[in-house]
Amino acid sequence: MIKVIRHLSIEKLMYKLSASVVYAILSAVALNLFYQPGHVYSSGITGLAQIFTTLSHQLLGQTIPVSITLYLLNLPLLVLAWLKIGKPFTIYTVITVTLSSVFIHMIPEHTLTTDPIINAVFGGAIMGSGIGFALKSGISSGGTDIFSLYIRKKTGRQVGHISLAFNAVIMVMAGILFGWQYMFYSLLTIFVSSRVTDAIYTKQRKMQAMIVTKNPEAVTEALHSRLHRGVTVVNSAEGAYTHVTMTILITIITQAEYQEFKYIMTKVDPTAFVSIAENVKVLGKFVEEED
């Protein structure tokens, strides 16, 4: 059992590190190939970093790179994540924010098109894909994602909806400072990004697993120790064909835990019959595990 848990931890670590790299590349592509060339402002802290970079050029006569302003603006939010969301979560977020700044600095700006609508739509889709994939992998892209996750833990509202409301303030700032046309194009990209984020980030969706097993103690112990999920035990179930006495276990997991759950079952009891019901509703207390 200890060997299984250790393998799961290594596998989870590598998966999250890979997700950080994927997000960093997607965010850099969205920013340097669509947002910056199209004068479209991104959502959240990235958009705020763009605003500060533009202001630095206008006020100081010298442009501070977005990669630097983005990193500096994330620092106080990383403190919030450390205190309110979780230390492992924050460590992965620091890695993701650092990689994002590095890739934004490394990938040069290039104008694919000057059409602001195309830049807004495709930039939003790419950025939303990166954010959704990062959150689905149990990491944060930093910025307002941290704030949105904190609010979702308290209210249960979807991350994309929270970000949409929060980012409206940043868009008004962009409109006042640089012209209202930039605000409207930026609102379009935020809308696209939030919809793609909600489509990909499905961690909050619940799944019911019904397990028919001959080894209920081992399975229950694995689910308790690894996923920290409660299990309902139905004893003395009988197979209609074999007439063998079995035990039925019922538990609720999140979709983000499904791959780990599947791995546990293949290692602990590969002969068990498992039925999964997706997107179930839960009444009563259901704790979302910290990453």
C-alpha atoms as a PDB file:
ATOM      1  CA  MET A   1       0.000   0.000   0.000  1.00  0.00           C
ATOM      2  CA  ILE A   2       2.836   2.423   0.851  1.00  0.00           C
ATOM      3  CA  LYS A   3       4.457   1.661  -2.516  1.00  0.00           C
ATOM      4  CA  VAL A   4       1.205   2.456  -4.333  1.00  0.00           C
ATOM      5  CA  ILE A   5       0.816   5.776  -2.506  1.00  0.00           C
ATOM      6  CA  ARG A   6       4.446   6.735  -3.174  1.00  0.00           C
ATOM      7  CA  HIS A   7       4.031   6.007  -6.909  1.00  0.00           C
ATOM      8  CA  LEU A   8       0.843   8.081  -6.976  1.00  0.00           C
ATOM      9  CA  SER A   9       2.646  11.024  -5.384  1.00  0.00           C
ATOM     10  CA  ILE A  10       5.465  10.957  -7.951  1.00  0.00           C
ATOM     11  CA  GLU A  11       2.985  10.587 -10.794  1.00  0.00           C
ATOM     12  CA  LYS A  12       0.941  13.518  -9.456  1.00  0.00           C
ATOM     13  CA  LEU A  13       4.054  15.677  -9.084  1.00  0.00           C
ATOM     14  CA  MET A  14       5.170  15.079 -12.669  1.00  0.00           C
ATOM     15  CA  TYR A  15       1.653  15.695 -13.969  1.00  0.00           C
ATOM     16  CA  LYS A  16       1.443  19.045 -12.209  1.00  0.00           C
ATOM     17  CA  LEU A  17       4.886  20.130 -13.345  1.00  0.00           C
ATOM     18  CA  SER A  18       3.948  19.243 -16.930  1.00  0.00           C
ATOM     19  CA  ALA A  19       0.732  21.238 -16.555  1.00  0.00           C
ATOM     20  CA  SER A  20       2.751  24.242 -15.382  1.00  0.00           C
ATOM     21  CA  VAL A  21       4.878  24.106 -18.518  1.00  0.00           C
ATOM     22  CA  VAL A  22       1.810  23.766 -20.762  1.00  0.00           C
ATOM     23  CA  TYR A  23       0.100  26.745 -19.145  1.00  0.00           C
ATOM     24  CA  ALA A  24       3.262  28.863 -19.318  1.00  0.00           C
ATOM     25  CA  ILE A  25       3.625  28.231 -23.050  1.00  0.00           C
ATOM     26  CA  LEU A  26      -0.071  28.875 -23.810  1.00  0.00           C
ATOM     27  CA  SER A  27      -0.149  32.101 -21.800  1.00  0.00           C
ATOM     28  CA  ALA A  28       3.015  33.355 -23.482  1.00  0.00           C
ATOM     29  CA  VAL A  29       1.594  32.563 -26.932  1.00  0.00           C
ATOM     30  CA  ALA A  30      -1.700  34.305 -26.138  1.00  0.00           C
ATOM     31  CA  LEU A  31       0.067  37.386 -24.782  1.00  0.00           C
ATOM     32  CA  ASN A  32       2.857  37.815 -27.338  1.00  0.00           C
ATOM     33  CA  LEU A  33       1.059  36.681 -30.494  1.00  0.00           C
ATOM     34  CA  PHE A  34      -2.437  38.058 -29.875  1.00  0.00           C
ATOM     35  CA  TYR A  35      -2.897  40.397 -26.899  1.00  0.00           C
ATOM     36  CA  GLN A  36       0.120  42.667 -27.231  1.00  0.00           C
ATOM     37  CA  PRO A  37       0.115  42.982 -31.062  1.00  0.00           C
ATOM     38  CA  GLY A  38      -3.665  43.541 -31.075  1.00  0.00           C
ATOM     39  CA  HIS A  39      -3.616  46.016 -28.149  1.00  0.00           C
ATOM     40  CA  VAL A  40      -6.036  43.725 -26.327  1.00  0.00           C
ATOM     41  CA  TYR A  41      -5.852  43.510 -22.549  1.00  0.00           C
ATOM     42  CA  SER A  42      -6.016  40.130 -20.894  1.00  0.00           C
ATOM     43  CA  SER A  43      -8.002  39.190 -17.825  1.00  0.00           C
ATOM     44  CA  GLY A  44      -6.829  39.473 -14.259  1.00  0.00           C
ATOM     45  CA  ILE A  45      -3.301  40.228 -13.190  1.00  0.00           C
ATOM     46  CA  THR A  46      -1.972  39.657 -16.707  1.00  0.00           C
ATOM     47  CA  GLY A  47      -4.171  42.488 -17.966  1.00  0.00           C
ATOM     48  CA  LEU A  48      -3.096  44.667 -15.055  1.00  0.00           C
ATOM     49  CA  ALA A  49       0.543  43.883 -15.869  1.00  0.00           C
ATOM     50  CA  GLN A  50      -0.107  44.965 -19.472  1.00  0.00           C
ATOM     51  CA  ILE A  51      -1.593  48.243 -18.209  1.00  0.00           C
ATOM     52  CA  PHE A  52       1.432  48.934 -16.002  1.00  0.00           C
ATOM     53  CA  THR A  53       3.779  48.128 -18.868  1.00  0.00           C
ATOM     54  CA  THR A  54       1.944  50.562 -21.160  1.00  0.00           C
ATOM     55  CA  LEU A  55       1.929  53.247 -18.462  1.00  0.00           C
ATOM     56  CA  SER A  56       5.656  52.768 -17.842  1.00  0.00           C
ATOM     57  CA  HIS A  57       6.332  53.561 -21.492  1.00  0.00           C
ATOM     58  CA  GLN A  58       4.104  56.640 -21.412  1.00  0.00           C
ATOM     59  CA  LEU A  59       5.207  58.009 -18.030  1.00  0.00           C
ATOM     60  CA  LEU A  60       8.818  56.897 -17.748  1.00  0.00           C
ATOM     61  CA  GLY A  61       9.792  56.753 -21.402  1.00  0.00           C
ATOM     62  CA  GLN A  62      11.098  53.259 -20.780  1.00  0.00           C
ATOM     63  CA  THR A  63       9.073  50.090 -21.090  1.00  0.00           C
ATOM     64  CA  ILE A  64       9.084  47.670 -18.168  1.00  0.00           C
ATOM     65  CA  PRO A  65       8.534  44.177 -19.649  1.00  0.00           C
ATOM     66  CA  VAL A  66       5.223  42.465 -18.968  1.00  0.00           C
ATOM     67  CA  SER A  67       7.114  39.469 -17.619  1.00  0.00           C
ATOM     68  CA  ILE A  68       8.500  41.603 -14.769  1.00  0.00           C
ATOM     69  CA  THR A  69       5.292  43.490 -13.905  1.00  0.00           C
ATOM     70  CA  LEU A  70       3.374  40.210 -13.981  1.00  0.00           C
ATOM     71  CA  TYR A  71       5.744  38.557 -11.523  1.00  0.00           C
ATOM     72  CA  LEU A  72       5.759  41.499  -9.112  1.00  0.00           C
ATOM     73  CA  LEU A  73       1.949  41.792  -9.092  1.00  0.00           C
ATOM     74  CA  ASN A  74       1.613  38.091  -8.261  1.00  0.00           C
ATOM     75  CA  LEU A  75       3.738  38.259  -5.114  1.00  0.00           C
ATOM     76  CA  PRO A  76       1.028  39.513  -2.665  1.00  0.00           C
ATOM     77  CA  LEU A  77      -1.511  37.054  -4.093  1.00  0.00           C
ATOM     78  CA  LEU A  78       0.919  34.204  -3.544  1.00  0.00           C
ATOM     79  CA  VAL A  79       0.980  35.184   0.134  1.00  0.00           C
ATOM     80  CA  LEU A  80      -2.849  34.947   0.165  1.00  0.00           C
ATOM     81  CA  ALA A  81      -2.673  31.497  -1.432  1.00  0.00           C
ATOM     82  CA  TRP A  82      -0.124  30.337   1.154  1.00  0.00           C
ATOM     83  CA  LEU A  83      -2.315  31.474   4.050  1.00  0.00           C
ATOM     84  CA  LYS A  84      -5.831  30.646   2.790  1.00  0.00           C
ATOM     85  CA  ILE A  85      -5.677  27.969   0.094  1.00  0.00           C
ATOM     86  CA  GLY A  86      -2.780  25.647   0.830  1.00  0.00           C
ATOM     87  CA  LYS A  87       0.988  25.399   0.874  1.00  0.00           C
ATOM     88  CA  PRO A  88       1.428  22.673  -1.796  1.00  0.00           C
ATOM     89  CA  PHE A  89      -0.986  24.612  -4.027  1.00  0.00           C
ATOM     90  CA  THR A  90       1.090  27.767  -3.536  1.00  0.00           C
ATOM     91  CA  ILE A  91       4.378  26.018  -4.315  1.00  0.00           C
ATOM     92  CA  TYR A  92       3.027  24.798  -7.646  1.00  0.00           C
ATOM     93  CA  THR A  93       1.646  28.284  -8.322  1.00  0.00           C
ATOM     94  CA  VAL A  94       5.060  29.865  -7.710  1.00  0.00           C
ATOM     95  CA  ILE A  95       6.531  27.420 -10.226  1.00  0.00           C
ATOM     96  CA  THR A  96       3.783  28.210 -12.750  1.00  0.00           C
ATOM     97  CA  VAL A  97       4.084  31.991 -12.372  1.00  0.00           C
ATOM     98  CA  THR A  98       7.859  31.785 -12.702  1.00  0.00           C
ATOM     99  CA  LEU A  99       7.668  29.635 -15.834  1.00  0.00           C
ATOM    100  CA  SER A 100       5.044  31.969 -17.317  1.00  0.00           C
ATOM    101  CA  SER A 101       7.262  35.009 -16.829  1.00  0.00           C
ATOM    102  CA  VAL A 102      10.220  33.155 -18.345  1.00  0.00           C
ATOM    103  CA  PHE A 103       8.301  32.037 -21.441  1.00  0.00           C
ATOM    104  CA  ILE A 104       6.709  35.478 -21.888  1.00  0.00           C
ATOM    105  CA  HIS A 105      10.215  36.924 -21.875  1.00  0.00           C
ATOM    106  CA  MET A 106      11.610  34.241 -24.209  1.00  0.00           C
ATOM    107  CA  ILE A 107       8.871  34.123 -26.861  1.00  0.00           C
ATOM    108  CA  PRO A 108       9.120  37.273 -29.013  1.00  0.00           C
ATOM    109  CA  GLU A 109       6.110  39.408 -29.892  1.00  0.00           C
ATOM    110  CA  HIS A 110       4.920  38.775 -33.419  1.00  0.00           C
ATOM    111  CA  THR A 111       1.932  40.247 -35.253  1.00  0.00           C
ATOM    112  CA  LEU A 112      -0.147  37.535 -36.917  1.00  0.00           C
ATOM    113  CA  THR A 113      -3.034  39.898 -37.638  1.00  0.00           C
ATOM    114  CA  THR A 114      -3.943  43.474 -36.791  1.00  0.00           C
ATOM    115  CA  ASP A 115      -7.660  42.655 -36.478  1.00  0.00           C
ATOM    116  CA  PRO A 116      -8.470  43.262 -32.782  1.00  0.00           C
ATOM    117  CA  ILE A 117     -11.519  40.948 -32.855  1.00  0.00           C
ATOM    118  CA  ILE A 118      -9.488  38.002 -34.142  1.00  0.00           C
ATOM    119  CA  ASN A 119      -6.790  38.749 -31.569  1.00  0.00           C
ATOM    120  CA  ALA A 120      -9.401  38.970 -28.808  1.00  0.00           C
ATOM    121  CA  VAL A 121     -11.172  35.717 -29.715  1.00  0.00           C
ATOM    122  CA  PHE A 122      -8.141  33.528 -30.389  1.00  0.00           C
ATOM    123  CA  GLY A 123      -6.092  35.051 -27.579  1.00  0.00           C
ATOM    124  CA  GLY A 124      -8.977  34.467 -25.177  1.00  0.00           C
ATOM    125  CA  ALA A 125      -9.440  30.875 -26.328  1.00  0.00           C
ATOM    126  CA  ILE A 126      -5.748  30.073 -25.910  1.00  0.00           C
ATOM    127  CA  MET A 127      -5.490  31.798 -22.537  1.00  0.00           C
ATOM    128  CA  GLY A 128      -8.723  30.172 -21.307  1.00  0.00           C
ATOM    129  CA  SER A 129      -7.409  26.765 -22.370  1.00  0.00           C
ATOM    130  CA  GLY A 130      -4.243  27.336 -20.387  1.00  0.00           C
ATOM    131  CA  ILE A 131      -6.091  28.530 -17.278  1.00  0.00           C
ATOM    132  CA  GLY A 132      -8.651  25.709 -17.441  1.00  0.00           C
ATOM    133  CA  PHE A 133      -5.993  23.049 -17.930  1.00  0.00           C
ATOM    134  CA  ALA A 134      -3.927  24.466 -15.069  1.00  0.00           C
ATOM    135  CA  LEU A 135      -6.874  24.504 -12.658  1.00  0.00           C
ATOM    136  CA  LYS A 136      -7.981  21.036 -13.777  1.00  0.00           C
ATOM    137  CA  SER A 137      -4.476  19.790 -12.990  1.00  0.00           C
ATOM    138  CA  GLY A 138      -4.695  21.202  -9.477  1.00  0.00           C
ATOM    139  CA  ILE A 139      -2.445  24.208 -10.018  1.00  0.00           C
ATOM    140  CA  SER A 140      -3.162  27.894 -10.367  1.00  0.00           C
ATOM    141  CA  SER A 141      -1.958  30.302 -13.023  1.00  0.00           C
ATOM    142  CA  GLY A 142      -1.646  32.890 -10.287  1.00  0.00           C
ATOM    143  CA  GLY A 143      -3.212  36.331 -10.273  1.00  0.00           C
ATOM    144  CA  THR A 144      -6.955  36.582  -9.855  1.00  0.00           C
ATOM    145  CA  ASP A 145      -7.251  32.796 -10.199  1.00  0.00           C
ATOM    146  CA  ILE A 146      -6.092  32.633  -6.582  1.00  0.00           C
ATOM    147  CA  PHE A 147      -8.744  35.128  -5.523  1.00  0.00           C
ATOM    148  CA  SER A 148     -11.406  33.303  -7.578  1.00  0.00           C
ATOM    149  CA  LEU A 149     -10.516  29.922  -6.060  1.00  0.00           C
ATOM    150  CA  TYR A 150     -10.677  31.386  -2.574  1.00  0.00           C
ATOM    151  CA  ILE A 151     -14.157  32.822  -3.228  1.00  0.00           C
ATOM    152  CA  ARG A 152     -15.329  29.550  -4.847  1.00  0.00           C
ATOM    153  CA  LYS A 153     -14.266  27.609  -1.752  1.00  0.00           C
ATOM    154  CA  LYS A 154     -16.498  29.916   0.302  1.00  0.00           C
ATOM    155  CA  THR A 155     -19.489  30.302  -2.045  1.00  0.00           C
ATOM    156  CA  GLY A 156     -19.384  27.398  -4.523  1.00  0.00           C
ATOM    157  CA  ARG A 157     -19.648  29.735  -7.526  1.00  0.00           C
ATOM    158  CA  GLN A 158     -17.866  28.809 -10.754  1.00  0.00           C
ATOM    159  CA  VAL A 159     -14.378  30.174 -11.250  1.00  0.00           C
ATOM    160  CA  GLY A 160     -15.097  31.645 -14.677  1.00  0.00           C
ATOM    161  CA  HIS A 161     -18.099  33.623 -13.395  1.00  0.00           C
ATOM    162  CA  ILE A 162     -16.100  35.051 -10.507  1.00  0.00           C
ATOM    163  CA  SER A 163     -13.257  36.059 -12.804  1.00  0.00           C
ATOM    164  CA  LEU A 164     -15.666  37.683 -15.246  1.00  0.00           C
ATOM    165  CA  ALA A 165     -17.033  39.999 -12.546  1.00  0.00           C
ATOM    166  CA  PHE A 166     -13.637  40.751 -11.019  1.00  0.00           C
ATOM    167  CA  ASN A 167     -11.981  41.492 -14.350  1.00  0.00           C
ATOM    168  CA  ALA A 168     -14.644  44.024 -15.360  1.00  0.00           C
ATOM    169  CA  VAL A 169     -12.945  46.488 -13.006  1.00  0.00           C
ATOM    170  CA  ILE A 170      -9.634  46.050 -14.810  1.00  0.00           C
ATOM    171  CA  MET A 171     -11.301  46.539 -18.175  1.00  0.00           C
ATOM    172  CA  VAL A 172     -12.844  49.833 -17.066  1.00  0.00           C
ATOM    173  CA  MET A 173      -9.350  50.960 -16.073  1.00  0.00           C
ATOM    174  CA  ALA A 174      -8.081  50.076 -19.539  1.00  0.00           C
ATOM    175  CA  GLY A 175     -10.961  51.986 -21.125  1.00  0.00           C
ATOM    176  CA  ILE A 176     -10.388  55.117 -19.047  1.00  0.00           C
ATOM    177  CA  LEU A 177      -6.624  55.134 -19.581  1.00  0.00           C
ATOM    178  CA  PHE A 178      -6.270  54.049 -23.206  1.00  0.00           C
ATOM    179  CA  GLY A 179      -9.643  54.374 -24.934  1.00  0.00           C
ATOM    180  CA  TRP A 180     -13.006  52.657 -24.709  1.00  0.00           C
ATOM    181  CA  GLN A 181     -12.482  50.586 -27.851  1.00  0.00           C
ATOM    182  CA  TYR A 182      -9.738  48.687 -26.022  1.00  0.00           C
ATOM    183  CA  MET A 183     -12.120  47.986 -23.181  1.00  0.00           C
ATOM    184  CA  PHE A 184     -14.723  46.420 -25.477  1.00  0.00           C
ATOM    185  CA  TYR A 185     -12.195  44.231 -27.268  1.00  0.00           C
ATOM    186  CA  SER A 186     -10.759  43.203 -23.911  1.00  0.00           C
ATOM    187  CA  LEU A 187     -14.212  42.361 -22.557  1.00  0.00           C
ATOM    188  CA  LEU A 188     -14.674  40.084 -25.563  1.00  0.00           C
ATOM    189  CA  THR A 189     -11.452  38.235 -24.824  1.00  0.00           C
ATOM    190  CA  ILE A 190     -12.372  37.888 -21.124  1.00  0.00           C
ATOM    191  CA  PHE A 191     -15.764  36.424 -22.065  1.00  0.00           C
ATOM    192  CA  VAL A 192     -14.182  33.883 -24.420  1.00  0.00           C
ATOM    193  CA  SER A 193     -11.487  33.016 -21.881  1.00  0.00           C
ATOM    194  CA  SER A 194     -13.983  32.530 -19.028  1.00  0.00           C
ATOM    195  CA  ARG A 195     -16.231  30.277 -21.129  1.00  0.00           C
ATOM    196  CA  VAL A 196     -13.310  28.104 -22.212  1.00  0.00           C
ATOM    197  CA  THR A 197     -12.067  27.956 -18.599  1.00  0.00           C
ATOM    198  CA  ASP A 198     -15.448  26.732 -17.325  1.00  0.00           C
ATOM    199  CA  ALA A 199     -15.651  24.171 -20.146  1.00  0.00           C
ATOM    200  CA  ILE A 200     -12.257  22.660 -19.278  1.00  0.00           C
ATOM    201  CA  TYR A 201     -12.128  23.100 -15.507  1.00  0.00           C
ATOM    202  CA  THR A 202     -14.480  20.403 -14.233  1.00  0.00           C
ATOM    203  CA  LYS A 203     -12.911  19.703 -10.839  1.00  0.00           C
ATOM    204  CA  GLN A 204     -16.059  20.778  -9.007  1.00  0.00           C
ATOM    205  CA  ARG A 205     -18.167  18.123 -10.760  1.00  0.00           C
ATOM    206  CA  LYS A 206     -19.022  15.185  -8.525  1.00  0.00           C
ATOM    207  CA  MET A 207     -18.942  11.506  -9.510  1.00  0.00           C
ATOM    208  CA  GLN A 208     -20.509   8.564  -7.685  1.00  0.00           C
ATOM    209  CA  ALA A 209     -18.520   5.344  -7.702  1.00  0.00           C
ATOM    210  CA  MET A 210     -20.228   2.045  -6.897  1.00  0.00           C
ATOM    211  CA  ILE A 211     -17.688  -0.727  -6.277  1.00  0.00           C
ATOM    212  CA  VAL A 212     -18.566  -4.408  -6.101  1.00  0.00           C
ATOM    213  CA  THR A 213     -15.596  -6.132  -4.493  1.00  0.00           C
ATOM    214  CA  LYS A 214     -14.361  -9.166  -2.599  1.00  0.00           C
ATOM    215  CA  ASN A 215     -11.772  -7.064  -0.767  1.00  0.00           C
ATOM    216  CA  PRO A 216     -13.740  -4.233   0.874  1.00  0.00           C
ATOM    217  CA  GLU A 217     -11.229  -3.611   3.669  1.00  0.00           C
ATOM    218  CA  ALA A 218      -8.298  -2.996   1.302  1.00  0.00           C
ATOM    219  CA  VAL A 219     -10.329  -0.793  -1.034  1.00  0.00           C
ATOM    220  CA  THR A 220     -11.820   1.236   1.815  1.00  0.00           C
ATOM    221  CA  GLU A 221      -8.413   1.760   3.399  1.00  0.00           C
ATOM    222  CA  ALA A 222      -6.942   2.962   0.075  1.00  0.00           C
ATOM    223  CA  LEU A 223      -9.793   5.407  -0.543  1.00  0.00           C
ATOM    224  CA  HIS A 224      -9.539   6.745   3.007  1.00  0.00           C
ATOM    225  CA  SER A 225      -5.760   7.106   3.057  1.00  0.00           C
ATOM    226  CA  ARG A 226      -5.257   8.454  -0.467  1.00  0.00           C
ATOM    227  CA  LEU A 227      -8.416  10.363  -1.424  1.00  0.00           C
ATOM    228  CA  HIS A 228      -9.728  11.020   2.103  1.00  0.00           C
ATOM    229  CA  ARG A 229     -13.229  10.078   0.974  1.00  0.00           C
ATOM    230  CA  GLY A 230     -15.953   8.479   3.057  1.00  0.00           C
ATOM    231  CA  VAL A 231     -17.299   5.109   1.962  1.00  0.00           C
ATOM    232  CA  THR A 232     -20.739   3.562   2.486  1.00  0.00           C
ATOM    233  CA  VAL A 233     -20.581  -0.237   2.897  1.00  0.00           C
ATOM    234  CA  VAL A 234     -23.394  -2.558   1.817  1.00  0.00           C
ATOM    235  CA  ASN A 235     -22.611  -6.080   3.056  1.00  0.00           C
ATOM    236  CA  SER A 236     -23.801  -9.482   1.855  1.00  0.00           C
ATOM    237  CA  ALA A 237     -24.604  -8.594  -1.746  1.00  0.00           C
ATOM    238  CA  GLU A 238     -24.986 -11.682  -3.932  1.00  0.00           C
ATOM    239  CA  GLY A 239     -24.188 -12.091  -7.608  1.00  0.00           C
ATOM    240  CA  ALA A 240     -27.255 -13.361  -9.461  1.00  0.00           C
ATOM    241  CA  TYR A 241     -25.221 -15.585 -11.764  1.00  0.00           C
ATOM    242  CA  THR A 242     -22.360 -16.800  -9.547  1.00  0.00           C
ATOM    243  CA  HIS A 243     -24.190 -16.582  -6.194  1.00  0.00           C
ATOM    244  CA  VAL A 244     -20.908 -15.379  -4.695  1.00  0.00           C
ATOM    245  CA  THR A 245     -21.228 -13.067  -1.695  1.00  0.00           C
ATOM    246  CA  MET A 246     -19.756  -9.641  -2.438  1.00  0.00           C
ATOM    247  CA  THR A 247     -19.610  -6.224  -0.758  1.00  0.00           C
ATOM    248  CA  ILE A 248     -20.829  -2.997  -2.369  1.00  0.00           C
ATOM    249  CA  LEU A 249     -18.937   0.201  -1.609  1.00  0.00           C
ATOM    250  CA  ILE A 250     -20.347   3.603  -2.538  1.00  0.00           C
ATOM    251  CA  THR A 251     -18.310   6.794  -2.503  1.00  0.00           C
ATOM    252  CA  ILE A 252     -18.382  10.268  -4.033  1.00  0.00           C
ATOM    253  CA  ILE A 253     -15.276  11.732  -5.684  1.00  0.00           C
ATOM    254  CA  THR A 254     -14.568  14.759  -7.831  1.00  0.00           C
ATOM    255  CA  GLN A 255     -13.759  14.465 -11.498  1.00  0.00           C
ATOM    256  CA  ALA A 256     -10.240  15.708 -10.733  1.00  0.00           C
ATOM    257  CA  GLU A 257      -9.743  12.642  -8.515  1.00  0.00           C
ATOM    258  CA  TYR A 258     -10.990  10.146 -11.104  1.00  0.00           C
ATOM    259  CA  GLN A 259      -7.582   9.212 -12.587  1.00  0.00           C
ATOM    260  CA  GLU A 260      -6.126   8.637  -9.150  1.00  0.00           C
ATOM    261  CA  PHE A 261      -9.217   6.643  -8.131  1.00  0.00           C
ATOM    262  CA  LYS A 262      -8.890   4.475 -11.236  1.00  0.00           C
ATOM    263  CA  TYR A 263      -5.223   3.818 -10.519  1.00  0.00           C
ATOM    264  CA  ILE A 264      -6.017   2.854  -6.921  1.00  0.00           C
ATOM    265  CA  MET A 265      -8.622   0.347  -8.079  1.00  0.00           C
ATOM    266  CA  THR A 266      -6.304  -1.279 -10.637  1.00  0.00           C
ATOM    267  CA  LYS A 267      -3.653  -1.757  -7.958  1.00  0.00           C
ATOM    268  CA  VAL A 268      -5.770  -2.672  -4.927  1.00  0.00           C
ATOM    269  CA  ASP A 269      -8.501  -4.796  -6.540  1.00  0.00           C
ATOM    270  CA  PRO A 270      -8.261  -5.133 -10.350  1.00  0.00           C
ATOM    271  CA  THR A 271     -11.100  -7.721 -10.375  1.00  0.00           C
ATOM    272  CA  ALA A 272     -13.642  -5.377  -8.763  1.00  0.00           C
ATOM    273  CA  PHE A 273     -16.665  -4.227 -10.751  1.00  0.00           C
ATOM    274  CA  VAL A 274     -16.857  -0.409 -10.715  1.00  0.00           C
ATOM    275  CA  SER A 275     -19.737   1.705 -11.947  1.00  0.00           C
ATOM    276  CA  ILE A 276     -19.321   5.492 -12.321  1.00  0.00           C
ATOM    277  CA  ALA A 277     -22.191   7.999 -12.428  1.00  0.00           C
ATOM    278  CA  GLU A 278     -21.000  11.410 -13.622  1.00  0.00           C
ATOM    279  CA  ASN A 279     -22.019  14.916 -12.554  1.00  0.00           C
ATOM    280  CA  VAL A 280     -24.147  13.852  -9.579  1.00  0.00           C
ATOM    281  CA  LYS A 281     -25.708  16.284  -7.091  1.00  0.00           C
ATOM    282  CA  VAL A 282     -24.738  16.073  -3.438  1.00  0.00           C
ATOM    283  CA  LEU A 283     -26.774  17.262  -0.452  1.00  0.00           C
ATOM    284  CA  GLY A 284     -24.911  17.674   2.804  1.00  0.00           C
ATOM    285  CA  LYS A 285     -21.260  18.228   3.588  1.00  0.00           C
ATOM    286  CA  PHE A 286     -18.785  17.394   0.844  1.00  0.00           C
ATOM    287  CA  VAL A 287     -15.206  18.563   1.415  1.00  0.00           C
ATOM    288  CA  GLU A 288     -13.122  19.546  -1.601  1.00  0.00           C
ATOM    289  CA  GLU A 289      -9.604  18.382  -0.958  1.00  0.00           C
ATOM    290  CA  GLU A 290      -6.752  20.886  -1.046  1.00  0.00           C
ATOM    291  CA  ASP A 291      -4.102  20.244  -3.669  1.00  0.00           C
END
